[in-house]
Amino acid sequence: MPDALLFRADIAIQEARKLRDERDAIARHGEMIRSECRRALLASYTVRTEVRGYQEDKEQGRQLAPGAD
């Protein structure tokens, strides 16, 4: 009887390790996705800022010298 109990305990320990490893892998994957999203948002913000600056420069150029593009 103790052998069967030890066998079942060993199986439970192995399954717990697998679940813990899967959980850790999912957490790492989630963190990677969050990092990529942060980088994409930063890149988007940078591009929008550059476009806004370009538009402002263009508008100021028109005010200083109408007809010049």
PDB file of N, CA and C in Angstrom:
ATOM      1  N   MET A   1       0.813  -1.201   0.000  1.00  0.00           N
ATOM      2  CA  MET A   1       0.000   0.000   0.000  1.00  0.00           C
ATOM      3  C   MET A   1       0.859   1.269   0.000  1.00  0.00           C
ATOM      4  N   PRO A   2       1.915   1.354   0.808  1.00  0.00           N
ATOM      5  CA  PRO A   2       2.735   2.571   0.798  1.00  0.00           C
ATOM      6  C   PRO A   2       3.357   2.839  -0.568  1.00  0.00           C
ATOM      7  N   ASP A   3       3.679   1.785  -1.315  1.00  0.00           N
ATOM      8  CA  ASP A   3       4.258   1.994  -2.635  1.00  0.00           C
ATOM      9  C   ASP A   3       3.280   2.716  -3.556  1.00  0.00           C
ATOM     10  N   ALA A   4       2.021   2.340  -3.507  1.00  0.00           N
ATOM     11  CA  ALA A   4       0.998   2.996  -4.336  1.00  0.00           C
ATOM     12  C   ALA A   4       0.832   4.454  -3.913  1.00  0.00           C
ATOM     13  N   LEU A   5       0.863   4.687  -2.622  1.00  0.00           N
ATOM     14  CA  LEU A   5       0.734   6.050  -2.110  1.00  0.00           C
ATOM     15  C   LEU A   5       1.920   6.906  -2.542  1.00  0.00           C
ATOM     16  N   LEU A   6       3.131   6.359  -2.442  1.00  0.00           N
ATOM     17  CA  LEU A   6       4.322   7.090  -2.877  1.00  0.00           C
ATOM     18  C   LEU A   6       4.284   7.346  -4.382  1.00  0.00           C
ATOM     19  N   PHE A   7       3.787   6.372  -5.135  1.00  0.00           N
ATOM     20  CA  PHE A   7       3.675   6.533  -6.588  1.00  0.00           C
ATOM     21  C   PHE A   7       2.723   7.674  -6.928  1.00  0.00           C
ATOM     22  N   ARG A   8       1.562   7.690  -6.263  1.00  0.00           N
ATOM     23  CA  ARG A   8       0.584   8.767  -6.517  1.00  0.00           C
ATOM     24  C   ARG A   8       1.137  10.122  -6.087  1.00  0.00           C
ATOM     25  N   ALA A   9       1.871  10.155  -4.976  1.00  0.00           N
ATOM     26  CA  ALA A   9       2.471  11.408  -4.511  1.00  0.00           C
ATOM     27  C   ALA A   9       3.512  11.902  -5.510  1.00  0.00           C
ATOM     28  N   ASP A  10       4.293  10.966  -6.051  1.00  0.00           N
ATOM     29  CA  ASP A  10       5.301  11.337  -7.044  1.00  0.00           C
ATOM     30  C   ASP A  10       4.645  11.904  -8.295  1.00  0.00           C
ATOM     31  N   ILE A  11       3.570  11.286  -8.745  1.00  0.00           N
ATOM     32  CA  ILE A  11       2.839  11.790  -9.916  1.00  0.00           C
ATOM     33  C   ILE A  11       2.295  13.190  -9.630  1.00  0.00           C
ATOM     34  N   ALA A  12       1.739  13.396  -8.449  1.00  0.00           N
ATOM     35  CA  ALA A  12       1.196  14.709  -8.089  1.00  0.00           C
ATOM     36  C   ALA A  12       2.299  15.771  -8.073  1.00  0.00           C
ATOM     37  N   ILE A  13       3.465  15.413  -7.574  1.00  0.00           N
ATOM     38  CA  ILE A  13       4.596  16.353  -7.544  1.00  0.00           C
ATOM     39  C   ILE A  13       5.039  16.699  -8.955  1.00  0.00           C
ATOM     40  N   GLN A  14       5.113  15.697  -9.829  1.00  0.00           N
ATOM     41  CA  GLN A  14       5.500  15.951 -11.217  1.00  0.00           C
ATOM     42  C   GLN A  14       4.492  16.858 -11.923  1.00  0.00           C
ATOM     43  N   GLU A  15       3.207  16.599 -11.703  1.00  0.00           N
ATOM     44  CA  GLU A  15       2.174  17.437 -12.323  1.00  0.00           C
ATOM     45  C   GLU A  15       2.242  18.866 -11.799  1.00  0.00           C
ATOM     46  N   ALA A  16       2.516  19.012 -10.503  1.00  0.00           N
ATOM     47  CA  ALA A  16       2.635  20.349  -9.918  1.00  0.00           C
ATOM     48  C   ALA A  16       3.818  21.091 -10.540  1.00  0.00           C
ATOM     49  N   ARG A  17       4.922  20.390 -10.762  1.00  0.00           N
ATOM     50  CA  ARG A  17       6.089  21.014 -11.398  1.00  0.00           C
ATOM     51  C   ARG A  17       5.759  21.456 -12.819  1.00  0.00           C
ATOM     52  N   LYS A  18       5.053  20.589 -13.557  1.00  0.00           N
ATOM     53  CA  LYS A  18       4.662  20.942 -14.928  1.00  0.00           C
ATOM     54  C   LYS A  18       3.791  22.182 -14.937  1.00  0.00           C
ATOM     55  N   LEU A  19       2.810  22.212 -14.038  1.00  0.00           N
ATOM     56  CA  LEU A  19       1.913  23.365 -13.965  1.00  0.00           C
ATOM     57  C   LEU A  19       2.676  24.638 -13.599  1.00  0.00           C
ATOM     58  N   ARG A  20       3.612  24.525 -12.662  1.00  0.00           N
ATOM     59  CA  ARG A  20       4.407  25.683 -12.272  1.00  0.00           C
ATOM     60  C   ARG A  20       5.269  26.169 -13.438  1.00  0.00           C
ATOM     61  N   ASP A  21       5.858  25.236 -14.184  1.00  0.00           N
ATOM     62  CA  ASP A  21       6.660  25.606 -15.346  1.00  0.00           C
ATOM     63  C   ASP A  21       5.800  26.282 -16.420  1.00  0.00           C
ATOM     64  N   GLU A  22       4.597  25.738 -16.653  1.00  0.00           N
ATOM     65  CA  GLU A  22       3.683  26.360 -17.626  1.00  0.00           C
ATOM     66  C   GLU A  22       3.286  27.761 -17.183  1.00  0.00           C
ATOM     67  N   ARG A  23       2.976  27.907 -15.895  1.00  0.00           N
ATOM     68  CA  ARG A  23       2.602  29.219 -15.363  1.00  0.00           C
ATOM     69  C   ARG A  23       3.735  30.225 -15.550  1.00  0.00           C
ATOM     70  N   ASP A  24       4.950  29.799 -15.264  1.00  0.00           N
ATOM     71  CA  ASP A  24       6.105  30.681 -15.415  1.00  0.00           C
ATOM     72  C   ASP A  24       6.327  31.061 -16.875  1.00  0.00           C
ATOM     73  N   ALA A  25       6.145  30.093 -17.776  1.00  0.00           N
ATOM     74  CA  ALA A  25       6.299  30.380 -19.212  1.00  0.00           C
ATOM     75  C   ALA A  25       5.241  31.369 -19.680  1.00  0.00           C
ATOM     76  N   ILE A  26       4.025  31.201 -19.213  1.00  0.00           N
ATOM     77  CA  ILE A  26       2.949  32.130 -19.592  1.00  0.00           C
ATOM     78  C   ILE A  26       3.241  33.524 -19.039  1.00  0.00           C
ATOM     79  N   ALA A  27       3.737  33.597 -17.829  1.00  0.00           N
ATOM     80  CA  ALA A  27       4.074  34.898 -17.234  1.00  0.00           C
ATOM     81  C   ALA A  27       5.188  35.582 -18.027  1.00  0.00           C
ATOM     82  N   ARG A  28       6.214  34.822 -18.431  1.00  0.00           N
ATOM     83  CA  ARG A  28       7.302  35.399 -19.238  1.00  0.00           C
ATOM     84  C   ARG A  28       6.773  35.882 -20.587  1.00  0.00           C
ATOM     85  N   HIS A  29       5.908  35.081 -21.189  1.00  0.00           N
ATOM     86  CA  HIS A  29       5.328  35.466 -22.479  1.00  0.00           C
ATOM     87  C   HIS A  29       4.496  36.737 -22.332  1.00  0.00           C
ATOM     88  N   GLY A  30       3.712  36.812 -21.266  1.00  0.00           N
ATOM     89  CA  GLY A  30       2.904  38.007 -21.017  1.00  0.00           C
ATOM     90  C   GLY A  30       3.767  39.243 -20.834  1.00  0.00           C
ATOM     91  N   GLU A  31       4.861  39.101 -20.116  1.00  0.00           N
ATOM     92  CA  GLU A  31       5.769  40.230 -19.911  1.00  0.00           C
ATOM     93  C   GLU A  31       6.407  40.661 -21.229  1.00  0.00           C
ATOM     94  N   MET A  32       6.751  39.691 -22.076  1.00  0.00           N
ATOM     95  CA  MET A  32       7.314  40.012 -23.383  1.00  0.00           C
ATOM     96  C   MET A  32       6.295  40.781 -24.229  1.00  0.00           C
ATOM     97  N   ILE A  33       5.046  40.347 -24.198  1.00  0.00           N
ATOM     98  CA  ILE A  33       3.996  41.037 -24.949  1.00  0.00           C
ATOM     99  C   ILE A  33       3.819  42.461 -24.419  1.00  0.00           C
ATOM    100  N   ARG A  34       3.807  42.621 -23.099  1.00  0.00           N
ATOM    101  CA  ARG A  34       3.675  43.964 -22.519  1.00  0.00           C
ATOM    102  C   ARG A  34       4.831  44.867 -22.938  1.00  0.00           C
ATOM    103  N   SER A  35       6.032  44.329 -22.951  1.00  0.00           N
ATOM    104  CA  SER A  35       7.198  45.120 -23.362  1.00  0.00           C
ATOM    105  C   SER A  35       7.078  45.550 -24.827  1.00  0.00           C
ATOM    106  N   GLU A  36       6.641  44.634 -25.678  1.00  0.00           N
ATOM    107  CA  GLU A  36       6.464  44.963 -27.092  1.00  0.00           C
ATOM    108  C   GLU A  36       5.385  46.031 -27.269  1.00  0.00           C
ATOM    109  N   CYS A  37       4.324  45.934 -26.510  1.00  0.00           N
ATOM    110  CA  CYS A  37       3.259  46.946 -26.580  1.00  0.00           C
ATOM    111  C   CYS A  37       3.777  48.316 -26.135  1.00  0.00           C
ATOM    112  N   ARG A  38       4.570  48.319 -25.070  1.00  0.00           N
ATOM    113  CA  ARG A  38       5.139  49.592 -24.604  1.00  0.00           C
ATOM    114  C   ARG A  38       6.039  50.212 -25.672  1.00  0.00           C
ATOM    115  N   ARG A  39       6.866  49.374 -26.323  1.00  0.00           N
ATOM    116  CA  ARG A  39       7.734  49.881 -27.386  1.00  0.00           C
ATOM    117  C   ARG A  39       6.925  50.415 -28.556  1.00  0.00           C
ATOM    118  N   ALA A  40       5.856  49.716 -28.911  1.00  0.00           N
ATOM    119  CA  ALA A  40       5.010  50.157 -30.025  1.00  0.00           C
ATOM    120  C   ALA A  40       4.328  51.483 -29.688  1.00  0.00           C
ATOM    121  N   LEU A  41       3.856  51.620 -28.455  1.00  0.00           N
ATOM    122  CA  LEU A  41       3.227  52.878 -28.050  1.00  0.00           C
ATOM    123  C   LEU A  41       4.232  54.022 -28.068  1.00  0.00           C
ATOM    124  N   LEU A  42       5.437  53.770 -27.602  1.00  0.00           N
ATOM    125  CA  LEU A  42       6.470  54.799 -27.613  1.00  0.00           C
ATOM    126  C   LEU A  42       6.809  55.202 -29.046  1.00  0.00           C
ATOM    127  N   ALA A  43       6.934  54.221 -29.941  1.00  0.00           N
ATOM    128  CA  ALA A  43       7.230  54.520 -31.343  1.00  0.00           C
ATOM    129  C   ALA A  43       6.097  55.327 -31.965  1.00  0.00           C
ATOM    130  N   SER A  44       4.865  54.948 -31.667  1.00  0.00           N
ATOM    131  CA  SER A  44       3.707  55.676 -32.194  1.00  0.00           C
ATOM    132  C   SER A  44       3.695  57.115 -31.687  1.00  0.00           C
ATOM    133  N   TYR A  45       3.953  57.284 -30.400  1.00  0.00           N
ATOM    134  CA  TYR A  45       3.979  58.626 -29.821  1.00  0.00           C
ATOM    135  C   TYR A  45       5.080  59.462 -30.474  1.00  0.00           C
ATOM    136  N   THR A  46       6.238  58.852 -30.690  1.00  0.00           N
ATOM    137  CA  THR A  46       7.353  59.564 -31.312  1.00  0.00           C
ATOM    138  C   THR A  46       6.993  60.017 -32.722  1.00  0.00           C
ATOM    139  N   VAL A  47       6.390  59.122 -33.491  1.00  0.00           N
ATOM    140  CA  VAL A  47       6.005  59.475 -34.863  1.00  0.00           C
ATOM    141  C   VAL A  47       4.959  60.575 -34.853  1.00  0.00           C
ATOM    142  N   ARG A  48       3.964  60.457 -33.979  1.00  0.00           N
ATOM    143  CA  ARG A  48       2.929  61.504 -33.913  1.00  0.00           C
ATOM    144  C   ARG A  48       3.529  62.844 -33.536  1.00  0.00           C
ATOM    145  N   THR A  49       4.483  62.852 -32.623  1.00  0.00           N
ATOM    146  CA  THR A  49       5.138  64.094 -32.223  1.00  0.00           C
ATOM    147  C   THR A  49       5.924  64.695 -33.385  1.00  0.00           C
ATOM    148  N   GLU A  50       6.632  63.843 -34.131  1.00  0.00           N
ATOM    149  CA  GLU A  50       7.394  64.328 -35.280  1.00  0.00           C
ATOM    150  C   GLU A  50       6.467  64.893 -36.360  1.00  0.00           C
ATOM    151  N   VAL A  51       5.358  64.218 -36.604  1.00  0.00           N
ATOM    152  CA  VAL A  51       4.399  64.704 -37.610  1.00  0.00           C
ATOM    153  C   VAL A  51       3.806  66.031 -37.169  1.00  0.00           C
ATOM    154  N   ARG A  52       3.449  66.125 -35.899  1.00  0.00           N
ATOM    155  CA  ARG A  52       2.892  67.377 -35.374  1.00  0.00           C
ATOM    156  C   ARG A  52       3.910  68.510 -35.523  1.00  0.00           C
ATOM    157  N   GLY A  53       5.175  68.235 -35.203  1.00  0.00           N
ATOM    158  CA  GLY A  53       6.222  69.247 -35.355  1.00  0.00           C
ATOM    159  C   GLY A  53       6.398  69.643 -36.807  1.00  0.00           C
ATOM    160  N   TYR A  54       6.358  68.678 -37.706  1.00  0.00           N
ATOM    161  CA  TYR A  54       6.476  68.978 -39.133  1.00  0.00           C
ATOM    162  C   TYR A  54       5.320  69.867 -39.583  1.00  0.00           C
ATOM    163  N   GLN A  55       4.106  69.520 -39.147  1.00  0.00           N
ATOM    164  CA  GLN A  55       2.942  70.325 -39.526  1.00  0.00           C
ATOM    165  C   GLN A  55       3.045  71.746 -38.974  1.00  0.00           C
ATOM    166  N   GLU A  56       3.490  71.868 -37.729  1.00  0.00           N
ATOM    167  CA  GLU A  56       3.642  73.202 -37.140  1.00  0.00           C
ATOM    168  C   GLU A  56       4.701  74.009 -37.889  1.00  0.00           C
ATOM    169  N   ASP A  57       5.824  73.361 -38.228  1.00  0.00           N
ATOM    170  CA  ASP A  57       6.867  74.056 -38.984  1.00  0.00           C
ATOM    171  C   ASP A  57       6.344  74.513 -40.340  1.00  0.00           C
ATOM    172  N   LYS A  58       5.566  73.641 -40.975  1.00  0.00           N
ATOM    173  CA  LYS A  58       5.012  73.972 -42.279  1.00  0.00           C
ATOM    174  C   LYS A  58       4.047  75.147 -42.171  1.00  0.00           C
ATOM    175  N   GLU A  59       3.193  75.144 -41.139  1.00  0.00           N
ATOM    176  CA  GLU A  59       2.248  76.250 -40.934  1.00  0.00           C
ATOM    177  C   GLU A  59       2.987  77.553 -40.643  1.00  0.00           C
ATOM    178  N   GLN A  60       4.025  77.508 -39.839  1.00  0.00           N
ATOM    179  CA  GLN A  60       4.799  78.710 -39.533  1.00  0.00           C
ATOM    180  C   GLN A  60       5.510  79.206 -40.779  1.00  0.00           C
ATOM    181  N   GLY A  61       5.971  78.298 -41.612  1.00  0.00           N
ATOM    182  CA  GLY A  61       6.615  78.681 -42.856  1.00  0.00           C
ATOM    183  C   GLY A  61       5.658  79.404 -43.771  1.00  0.00           C
ATOM    184  N   ARG A  62       4.421  78.971 -43.806  1.00  0.00           N
ATOM    185  CA  ARG A  62       3.416  79.635 -44.632  1.00  0.00           C
ATOM    186  C   ARG A  62       3.129  81.034 -44.093  1.00  0.00           C
ATOM    187  N   GLN A  63       3.133  81.165 -42.772  1.00  0.00           N
ATOM    188  CA  GLN A  63       2.865  82.484 -42.202  1.00  0.00           C
ATOM    189  C   GLN A  63       4.004  83.454 -42.504  1.00  0.00           C
ATOM    190  N   LEU A  64       5.222  82.937 -42.523  1.00  0.00           N
ATOM    191  CA  LEU A  64       6.371  83.803 -42.778  1.00  0.00           C
ATOM    192  C   LEU A  64       6.523  84.113 -44.278  1.00  0.00           C
ATOM    193  N   ALA A  65       6.264  83.127 -45.121  1.00  0.00           N
ATOM    194  CA  ALA A  65       6.436  83.327 -46.553  1.00  0.00           C
ATOM    195  C   ALA A  65       5.294  82.597 -47.280  1.00  0.00           C
ATOM    196  N   PRO A  66       4.174  83.280 -47.522  1.00  0.00           N
ATOM    197  CA  PRO A  66       3.048  82.630 -48.186  1.00  0.00           C
ATOM    198  C   PRO A  66       3.448  82.088 -49.564  1.00  0.00           C
ATOM    199  N   GLY A  67       2.940  80.878 -49.882  1.00  0.00           N
ATOM    200  CA  GLY A  67       3.219  80.272 -51.160  1.00  0.00           C
ATOM    201  C   GLY A  67       4.476  79.436 -51.191  1.00  0.00           C
ATOM    202  N   ALA A  68       5.254  79.435 -50.160  1.00  0.00           N
ATOM    203  CA  ALA A  68       6.502  78.656 -50.130  1.00  0.00           C
ATOM    204  C   ALA A  68       6.208  77.299 -49.506  1.00  0.00           C
ATOM    205  N   ASP A  69       6.570  76.224 -50.185  1.00  0.00           N
ATOM    206  CA  ASP A  69       6.392  74.855 -49.657  1.00  0.00           C
ATOM    207  C   ASP A  69       7.683  74.134 -49.666  1.00  0.00           C
TER     208      ASP A  69
END
